[in-house]
Amino acid sequence: MHFLITFLFVGFLAGLIARVLVSGPGPRGCVPTTALGLVGSMVGGFLGYVLFGKQVDDGAFQPAGVFGSVVGAVIVLLLYRRYLVNHGAR
């Protein structure tokens, strides 16, 4: 249960920081911001594994993982904005 709460909290923070770093259209509200951070955390974790060979066995919560979550959330937000531009904003 502790892991889930931490995962949601870090996801929210990563999504919030990504929205601050990348201004412009994007998901607004607590739930979309948390979803952005959670997806960004998965992207950041995947990139960390591919680039640096880090695994869950190295520890589930690491400061570098928080940074990777923010980087992943920025990537996801930029892809989201690119999708809006190509498919028209509603």
Protein backbone atom coordinates (compact mmCIF):
# COMPACT_ATOMS: atom_id res chain seq x y z
CA MET A 1 0.00 0.00 0.00
CA HIS A 2 2.89 2.33 0.82
CA PHE A 3 4.37 1.75 -2.66
CA LEU A 4 1.08 2.69 -4.35
CA ILE A 5 0.72 5.93 -2.39
CA THR A 6 4.35 6.83 -3.11
CA PHE A 7 3.88 5.98 -6.80
CA LEU A 8 0.81 8.23 -7.03
CA PHE A 9 2.50 11.07 -5.14
CA VAL A 10 5.67 10.95 -7.25
CA GLY A 11 3.52 10.69 -10.38
CA PHE A 12 1.58 13.80 -9.40
CA LEU A 13 4.78 15.72 -8.65
CA ALA A 14 6.40 14.61 -11.91
CA GLY A 15 3.31 15.63 -13.88
CA LEU A 16 3.16 18.98 -12.10
CA ILE A 17 6.84 19.72 -12.74
CA ALA A 18 6.47 18.67 -16.39
CA ARG A 19 3.51 21.03 -16.82
CA VAL A 20 5.57 23.87 -15.31
CA LEU A 21 8.56 23.13 -17.58
CA VAL A 22 6.47 22.74 -20.75
CA SER A 23 3.97 25.55 -20.92
CA GLY A 24 1.09 25.52 -23.37
CA PRO A 25 -1.86 23.24 -24.00
CA GLY A 26 -1.97 20.07 -22.04
CA PRO A 27 -4.04 18.11 -19.57
CA ARG A 28 -5.38 20.20 -16.69
CA GLY A 29 -6.54 19.04 -13.27
CA CYS A 30 -5.28 16.70 -10.58
CA VAL A 31 -6.25 13.40 -12.21
CA PRO A 32 -4.80 14.20 -15.70
CA THR A 33 -1.65 15.62 -14.08
CA THR A 34 -1.23 12.45 -12.03
CA ALA A 35 -1.86 10.29 -15.10
CA LEU A 36 0.75 12.31 -17.01
CA GLY A 37 3.26 11.76 -14.21
CA LEU A 38 2.50 8.04 -13.93
CA VAL A 39 2.90 7.46 -17.66
CA GLY A 40 6.02 9.64 -17.57
CA SER A 41 7.34 7.53 -14.71
CA MET A 42 6.92 4.39 -16.80
CA VAL A 43 8.62 6.04 -19.79
CA GLY A 44 11.42 7.34 -17.56
CA GLY A 45 11.85 3.93 -15.95
CA PHE A 46 12.01 2.25 -19.34
CA LEU A 47 14.58 4.78 -20.59
CA GLY A 48 16.62 4.33 -17.40
CA TYR A 49 16.61 0.58 -17.92
CA VAL A 50 17.58 0.84 -21.60
CA LEU A 51 20.24 3.54 -21.18
CA PHE A 52 21.74 2.69 -17.80
CA GLY A 53 20.68 -0.88 -17.08
CA LYS A 54 18.87 0.04 -13.83
CA GLN A 55 16.35 -2.49 -12.58
CA VAL A 56 13.81 -2.75 -9.78
CA ASP A 57 16.30 -4.94 -7.90
CA ASP A 58 18.42 -1.80 -7.47
CA GLY A 59 15.63 -0.29 -5.36
CA ALA A 60 12.17 0.84 -6.35
CA PHE A 61 12.55 4.43 -5.14
CA GLN A 62 15.66 6.33 -6.10
CA PRO A 63 16.34 10.06 -6.56
CA ALA A 64 17.38 9.33 -10.14
CA GLY A 65 14.00 7.66 -10.60
CA VAL A 66 12.21 10.88 -9.66
CA PHE A 67 14.34 12.74 -12.22
CA GLY A 68 13.56 10.05 -14.80
CA SER A 69 9.86 10.41 -14.01
CA VAL A 70 10.02 14.14 -14.72
CA VAL A 71 11.97 13.59 -17.94
CA GLY A 72 9.50 10.91 -19.01
CA ALA A 73 6.54 13.18 -18.19
CA VAL A 74 8.07 16.00 -20.25
CA ILE A 75 8.49 13.59 -23.18
CA VAL A 76 4.90 12.38 -22.84
CA LEU A 77 3.60 15.97 -22.61
CA LEU A 78 5.54 17.00 -25.73
CA LEU A 79 4.16 13.97 -27.60
CA TYR A 80 0.66 14.86 -26.39
CA ARG A 81 1.06 18.42 -27.67
CA ARG A 82 2.42 17.12 -31.00
CA TYR A 83 -0.65 14.89 -31.29
CA LEU A 84 -2.92 17.90 -30.63
CA VAL A 85 -1.19 19.95 -33.34
CA ASN A 86 -1.38 17.13 -35.91
CA HIS A 87 -4.99 16.15 -35.14
CA GLY A 88 -6.42 19.54 -34.26
CA ALA A 89 -7.13 20.85 -30.79
CA ARG A 90 -10.70 20.53 -29.59
